[in-house]
Amino acid sequence: MWKVGNVMDDVPLGGDFIGYGFNVTTEQGQQLVVFAYETLAAAEDAARQVEAAVELAILVRGFA
């Protein structure tokens, strides 16, 4: 399954390292996607929602 990382600051947002965000990784720690937001509150809210979606899923499959 996938894992939702902790919210952090200094994530890429528009090419510069600003904003707040989190990664979604494989169980082995391979980064699959990063979500970035302008505010800490927005990043924390989104991380909770993504974590709930991943936690309750019976299958999570990425396509690249």
PDB file of N, CA and C in Angstrom:
ATOM      1  N   MET A   1       0.824  -1.200   0.000  1.00  0.00           N
ATOM      2  CA  MET A   1       0.000   0.000   0.000  1.00  0.00           C
ATOM      3  C   MET A   1       0.864   1.259   0.000  1.00  0.00           C
ATOM      4  N   TRP A   2       0.245   2.351  -0.237  1.00  0.00           N
ATOM      5  CA  TRP A   2       0.932   3.635  -0.246  1.00  0.00           C
ATOM      6  C   TRP A   2       0.916   4.248   1.146  1.00  0.00           C
ATOM      7  N   LYS A   3       1.835   5.185   1.368  1.00  0.00           N
ATOM      8  CA  LYS A   3       1.916   5.886   2.653  1.00  0.00           C
ATOM      9  C   LYS A   3       1.877   7.390   2.405  1.00  0.00           C
ATOM     10  N   VAL A   4       1.214   8.099   3.298  1.00  0.00           N
ATOM     11  CA  VAL A   4       1.164   9.555   3.242  1.00  0.00           C
ATOM     12  C   VAL A   4       2.189  10.084   4.237  1.00  0.00           C
ATOM     13  N   GLY A   5       3.105  10.896   3.749  1.00  0.00           N
ATOM     14  CA  GLY A   5       4.155  11.436   4.600  1.00  0.00           C
ATOM     15  C   GLY A   5       3.677  12.587   5.463  1.00  0.00           C
ATOM     16  N   ASN A   6       4.540  13.034   6.344  1.00  0.00           N
ATOM     17  CA  ASN A   6       4.249  14.180   7.203  1.00  0.00           C
ATOM     18  C   ASN A   6       4.224  15.465   6.393  1.00  0.00           C
ATOM     19  N   VAL A   7       3.426  16.409   6.842  1.00  0.00           N
ATOM     20  CA  VAL A   7       3.401  17.731   6.210  1.00  0.00           C
ATOM     21  C   VAL A   7       4.721  18.425   6.521  1.00  0.00           C
ATOM     22  N   MET A   8       5.295  19.055   5.501  1.00  0.00           N
ATOM     23  CA  MET A   8       6.575  19.743   5.649  1.00  0.00           C
ATOM     24  C   MET A   8       6.502  21.098   4.965  1.00  0.00           C
ATOM     25  N   ASP A   9       7.469  21.943   5.260  1.00  0.00           N
ATOM     26  CA  ASP A   9       7.547  23.216   4.554  1.00  0.00           C
ATOM     27  C   ASP A   9       8.648  23.125   3.506  1.00  0.00           C
ATOM     28  N   ASP A  10       8.760  24.151   2.692  1.00  0.00           N
ATOM     29  CA  ASP A  10       9.773  24.194   1.628  1.00  0.00           C
ATOM     30  C   ASP A  10       9.574  23.118   0.567  1.00  0.00           C
ATOM     31  N   VAL A  11       8.344  22.922   0.135  1.00  0.00           N
ATOM     32  CA  VAL A  11       8.105  22.002  -0.982  1.00  0.00           C
ATOM     33  C   VAL A  11       7.974  22.802  -2.272  1.00  0.00           C
ATOM     34  N   PRO A  12       8.237  22.190  -3.417  1.00  0.00           N
ATOM     35  CA  PRO A  12       8.174  22.924  -4.677  1.00  0.00           C
ATOM     36  C   PRO A  12       6.764  23.436  -4.950  1.00  0.00           C
ATOM     37  N   LEU A  13       6.645  24.696  -5.235  1.00  0.00           N
ATOM     38  CA  LEU A  13       5.354  25.300  -5.565  1.00  0.00           C
ATOM     39  C   LEU A  13       5.613  26.331  -6.648  1.00  0.00           C
ATOM     40  N   GLY A  14       5.304  26.008  -7.873  1.00  0.00           N
ATOM     41  CA  GLY A  14       5.546  26.921  -8.982  1.00  0.00           C
ATOM     42  C   GLY A  14       7.013  27.071  -9.339  1.00  0.00           C
ATOM     43  N   GLY A  15       7.804  26.037  -9.136  1.00  0.00           N
ATOM     44  CA  GLY A  15       9.211  26.086  -9.486  1.00  0.00           C
ATOM     45  C   GLY A  15      10.123  26.537  -8.363  1.00  0.00           C
ATOM     46  N   ASP A  16       9.603  27.249  -7.393  1.00  0.00           N
ATOM     47  CA  ASP A  16      10.389  27.686  -6.237  1.00  0.00           C
ATOM     48  C   ASP A  16      10.083  26.780  -5.047  1.00  0.00           C
ATOM     49  N   PHE A  17      10.993  26.737  -4.091  1.00  0.00           N
ATOM     50  CA  PHE A  17      10.766  25.945  -2.901  1.00  0.00           C
ATOM     51  C   PHE A  17      10.106  26.807  -1.832  1.00  0.00           C
ATOM     52  N   ILE A  18       8.806  26.843  -1.920  1.00  0.00           N
ATOM     53  CA  ILE A  18       7.990  27.568  -0.948  1.00  0.00           C
ATOM     54  C   ILE A  18       6.741  26.738  -0.689  1.00  0.00           C
ATOM     55  N   GLY A  19       5.955  27.112   0.252  1.00  0.00           N
ATOM     56  CA  GLY A  19       4.708  26.412   0.506  1.00  0.00           C
ATOM     57  C   GLY A  19       4.872  25.240   1.455  1.00  0.00           C
ATOM     58  N   TYR A  20       3.782  24.510   1.604  1.00  0.00           N
ATOM     59  CA  TYR A  20       3.703  23.368   2.514  1.00  0.00           C
ATOM     60  C   TYR A  20       3.148  22.188   1.740  1.00  0.00           C
ATOM     61  N   GLY A  21       3.531  20.998   2.129  1.00  0.00           N
ATOM     62  CA  GLY A  21       3.009  19.855   1.411  1.00  0.00           C
ATOM     63  C   GLY A  21       3.423  18.541   2.021  1.00  0.00           C
ATOM     64  N   PHE A  22       3.141  17.478   1.277  1.00  0.00           N
ATOM     65  CA  PHE A  22       3.446  16.136   1.737  1.00  0.00           C
ATOM     66  C   PHE A  22       3.630  15.234   0.527  1.00  0.00           C
ATOM     67  N   ASN A  23       4.299  14.133   0.756  1.00  0.00           N
ATOM     68  CA  ASN A  23       4.534  13.121  -0.266  1.00  0.00           C
ATOM     69  C   ASN A  23       3.611  11.937  -0.048  1.00  0.00           C
ATOM     70  N   VAL A  24       3.348  11.230  -1.122  1.00  0.00           N
ATOM     71  CA  VAL A  24       2.765   9.899  -1.039  1.00  0.00           C
ATOM     72  C   VAL A  24       3.834   8.965  -1.589  1.00  0.00           C
ATOM     73  N   THR A  25       4.142   7.928  -0.824  1.00  0.00           N
ATOM     74  CA  THR A  25       5.217   7.000  -1.184  1.00  0.00           C
ATOM     75  C   THR A  25       4.720   5.559  -1.150  1.00  0.00           C
ATOM     76  N   THR A  26       5.523   4.683  -1.714  1.00  0.00           N
ATOM     77  CA  THR A  26       5.268   3.257  -1.549  1.00  0.00           C
ATOM     78  C   THR A  26       5.684   2.853  -0.142  1.00  0.00           C
ATOM     79  N   GLU A  27       5.391   1.633   0.234  1.00  0.00           N
ATOM     80  CA  GLU A  27       5.830   1.123   1.543  1.00  0.00           C
ATOM     81  C   GLU A  27       7.342   1.114   1.660  1.00  0.00           C
ATOM     82  N   GLN A  28       8.030   1.033   0.515  1.00  0.00           N
ATOM     83  CA  GLN A  28       9.489   1.031   0.510  1.00  0.00           C
ATOM     84  C   GLN A  28      10.065   2.443   0.497  1.00  0.00           C
ATOM     85  N   GLY A  29       9.219   3.467   0.500  1.00  0.00           N
ATOM     86  CA  GLY A  29       9.690   4.845   0.555  1.00  0.00           C
ATOM     87  C   GLY A  29       9.910   5.505  -0.795  1.00  0.00           C
ATOM     88  N   GLN A  30       9.538   4.845  -1.891  1.00  0.00           N
ATOM     89  CA  GLN A  30       9.691   5.450  -3.214  1.00  0.00           C
ATOM     90  C   GLN A  30       8.616   6.526  -3.399  1.00  0.00           C
ATOM     91  N   GLN A  31       9.053   7.740  -3.700  1.00  0.00           N
ATOM     92  CA  GLN A  31       8.128   8.856  -3.858  1.00  0.00           C
ATOM     93  C   GLN A  31       7.285   8.662  -5.115  1.00  0.00           C
ATOM     94  N   LEU A  32       5.967   8.789  -4.949  1.00  0.00           N
ATOM     95  CA  LEU A  32       5.045   8.648  -6.063  1.00  0.00           C
ATOM     96  C   LEU A  32       4.482   9.992  -6.501  1.00  0.00           C
ATOM     97  N   VAL A  33       4.194  10.849  -5.541  1.00  0.00           N
ATOM     98  CA  VAL A  33       3.586  12.145  -5.844  1.00  0.00           C
ATOM     99  C   VAL A  33       3.837  13.095  -4.675  1.00  0.00           C
ATOM    100  N   VAL A  34       3.897  14.380  -4.986  1.00  0.00           N
ATOM    101  CA  VAL A  34       3.983  15.408  -3.948  1.00  0.00           C
ATOM    102  C   VAL A  34       2.819  16.368  -4.144  1.00  0.00           C
ATOM    103  N   PHE A  35       2.185  16.744  -3.059  1.00  0.00           N
ATOM    104  CA  PHE A  35       1.119  17.735  -3.065  1.00  0.00           C
ATOM    105  C   PHE A  35       1.659  18.975  -2.368  1.00  0.00           C
ATOM    106  N   ALA A  36       1.462  20.156  -2.965  1.00  0.00           N
ATOM    107  CA  ALA A  36       1.959  21.407  -2.373  1.00  0.00           C
ATOM    108  C   ALA A  36       0.822  22.417  -2.266  1.00  0.00           C
ATOM    109  N   TYR A  37       0.833  23.187  -1.186  1.00  0.00           N
ATOM    110  CA  TYR A  37      -0.214  24.161  -0.885  1.00  0.00           C
ATOM    111  C   TYR A  37       0.413  25.446  -0.374  1.00  0.00           C
ATOM    112  N   GLU A  38      -0.318  26.522  -0.497  1.00  0.00           N
ATOM    113  CA  GLU A  38       0.191  27.822  -0.047  1.00  0.00           C
ATOM    114  C   GLU A  38       0.188  27.971   1.460  1.00  0.00           C
ATOM    115  N   THR A  39      -0.720  27.267   2.160  1.00  0.00           N
ATOM    116  CA  THR A  39      -0.809  27.418   3.612  1.00  0.00           C
ATOM    117  C   THR A  39      -0.634  26.080   4.321  1.00  0.00           C
ATOM    118  N   LEU A  40      -0.161  26.153   5.543  1.00  0.00           N
ATOM    119  CA  LEU A  40       0.013  24.966   6.365  1.00  0.00           C
ATOM    120  C   LEU A  40      -1.335  24.302   6.634  1.00  0.00           C
ATOM    121  N   ALA A  41      -2.349  25.093   6.914  1.00  0.00           N
ATOM    122  CA  ALA A  41      -3.676  24.538   7.205  1.00  0.00           C
ATOM    123  C   ALA A  41      -4.220  23.743   6.025  1.00  0.00           C
ATOM    124  N   ALA A  42      -4.051  24.261   4.821  1.00  0.00           N
ATOM    125  CA  ALA A  42      -4.534  23.557   3.632  1.00  0.00           C
ATOM    126  C   ALA A  42      -3.785  22.245   3.433  1.00  0.00           C
ATOM    127  N   ALA A  43      -2.480  22.258   3.657  1.00  0.00           N
ATOM    128  CA  ALA A  43      -1.677  21.040   3.509  1.00  0.00           C
ATOM    129  C   ALA A  43      -2.073  19.992   4.543  1.00  0.00           C
ATOM    130  N   GLU A  44      -2.269  20.410   5.780  1.00  0.00           N
ATOM    131  CA  GLU A  44      -2.656  19.471   6.836  1.00  0.00           C
ATOM    132  C   GLU A  44      -4.024  18.860   6.562  1.00  0.00           C
ATOM    133  N   ASP A  45      -4.962  19.686   6.103  1.00  0.00           N
ATOM    134  CA  ASP A  45      -6.304  19.200   5.785  1.00  0.00           C
ATOM    135  C   ASP A  45      -6.253  18.189   4.645  1.00  0.00           C
ATOM    136  N   ALA A  46      -5.524  18.517   3.601  1.00  0.00           N
ATOM    137  CA  ALA A  46      -5.414  17.618   2.449  1.00  0.00           C
ATOM    138  C   ALA A  46      -4.727  16.313   2.833  1.00  0.00           C
ATOM    139  N   ALA A  47      -3.682  16.389   3.639  1.00  0.00           N
ATOM    140  CA  ALA A  47      -2.971  15.179   4.056  1.00  0.00           C
ATOM    141  C   ALA A  47      -3.898  14.243   4.827  1.00  0.00           C
ATOM    142  N   ARG A  48      -4.740  14.799   5.691  1.00  0.00           N
ATOM    143  CA  ARG A  48      -5.699  13.970   6.431  1.00  0.00           C
ATOM    144  C   ARG A  48      -6.678  13.283   5.479  1.00  0.00           C
ATOM    145  N   GLN A  49      -7.136  14.028   4.481  1.00  0.00           N
ATOM    146  CA  GLN A  49      -8.088  13.451   3.525  1.00  0.00           C
ATOM    147  C   GLN A  49      -7.442  12.355   2.675  1.00  0.00           C
ATOM    148  N   VAL A  50      -6.241  12.596   2.196  1.00  0.00           N
ATOM    149  CA  VAL A  50      -5.554  11.600   1.382  1.00  0.00           C
ATOM    150  C   VAL A  50      -5.223  10.374   2.227  1.00  0.00           C
ATOM    151  N   GLU A  51      -4.798  10.596   3.460  1.00  0.00           N
ATOM    152  CA  GLU A  51      -4.486   9.476   4.345  1.00  0.00           C
ATOM    153  C   GLU A  51      -5.722   8.605   4.581  1.00  0.00           C
ATOM    154  N   ALA A  52      -6.886   9.223   4.783  1.00  0.00           N
ATOM    155  CA  ALA A  52      -8.115   8.463   4.981  1.00  0.00           C
ATOM    156  C   ALA A  52      -8.462   7.664   3.721  1.00  0.00           C
ATOM    157  N   ALA A  53      -8.290   8.266   2.563  1.00  0.00           N
ATOM    158  CA  ALA A  53      -8.586   7.572   1.310  1.00  0.00           C
ATOM    159  C   ALA A  53      -7.673   6.371   1.108  1.00  0.00           C
ATOM    160  N   VAL A  54      -6.394   6.540   1.382  1.00  0.00           N
ATOM    161  CA  VAL A  54      -5.431   5.459   1.212  1.00  0.00           C
ATOM    162  C   VAL A  54      -5.667   4.369   2.258  1.00  0.00           C
ATOM    163  N   GLU A  55      -5.936   4.772   3.479  1.00  0.00           N
ATOM    164  CA  GLU A  55      -6.111   3.820   4.574  1.00  0.00           C
ATOM    165  C   GLU A  55      -7.305   2.899   4.339  1.00  0.00           C
ATOM    166  N   LEU A  56      -8.391   3.413   3.798  1.00  0.00           N
ATOM    167  CA  LEU A  56      -9.606   2.632   3.622  1.00  0.00           C
ATOM    168  C   LEU A  56      -9.662   1.878   2.301  1.00  0.00           C
ATOM    169  N   ALA A  57      -8.734   2.134   1.427  1.00  0.00           N
ATOM    170  CA  ALA A  57      -8.748   1.485   0.113  1.00  0.00           C
ATOM    171  C   ALA A  57      -8.327   0.025   0.220  1.00  0.00           C
ATOM    172  N   ILE A  58      -8.971  -0.804  -0.580  1.00  0.00           N
ATOM    173  CA  ILE A  58      -8.567  -2.213  -0.618  1.00  0.00           C
ATOM    174  C   ILE A  58      -7.501  -2.429  -1.695  1.00  0.00           C
ATOM    175  N   LEU A  59      -7.340  -1.433  -2.593  1.00  0.00           N
ATOM    176  CA  LEU A  59      -6.293  -1.489  -3.606  1.00  0.00           C
ATOM    177  C   LEU A  59      -5.920  -0.073  -3.984  1.00  0.00           C
ATOM    178  N   VAL A  60      -4.642   0.195  -4.021  1.00  0.00           N
ATOM    179  CA  VAL A  60      -4.131   1.482  -4.506  1.00  0.00           C
ATOM    180  C   VAL A  60      -3.078   1.141  -5.553  1.00  0.00           C
ATOM    181  N   ARG A  61      -3.292   1.606  -6.770  1.00  0.00           N
ATOM    182  CA  ARG A  61      -2.374   1.269  -7.852  1.00  0.00           C
ATOM    183  C   ARG A  61      -2.025   2.543  -8.617  1.00  0.00           C
ATOM    184  N   GLY A  62      -0.763   2.774  -8.783  1.00  0.00           N
ATOM    185  CA  GLY A  62      -0.317   3.936  -9.550  1.00  0.00           C
ATOM    186  C   GLY A  62      -0.045   3.554 -10.990  1.00  0.00           C
ATOM    187  N   PHE A  63      -0.263   4.493 -11.866  1.00  0.00           N
ATOM    188  CA  PHE A  63       0.014   4.303 -13.276  1.00  0.00           C
ATOM    189  C   PHE A  63       0.914   5.431 -13.727  1.00  0.00           C
ATOM    190  N   ALA A  64       2.053   5.101 -14.275  1.00  0.00           N
ATOM    191  CA  ALA A  64       2.973   6.145 -14.730  1.00  0.00           C
ATOM    192  C   ALA A  64       3.351   5.930 -16.179  1.00  0.00           C
TER     193      ALA A  64
END
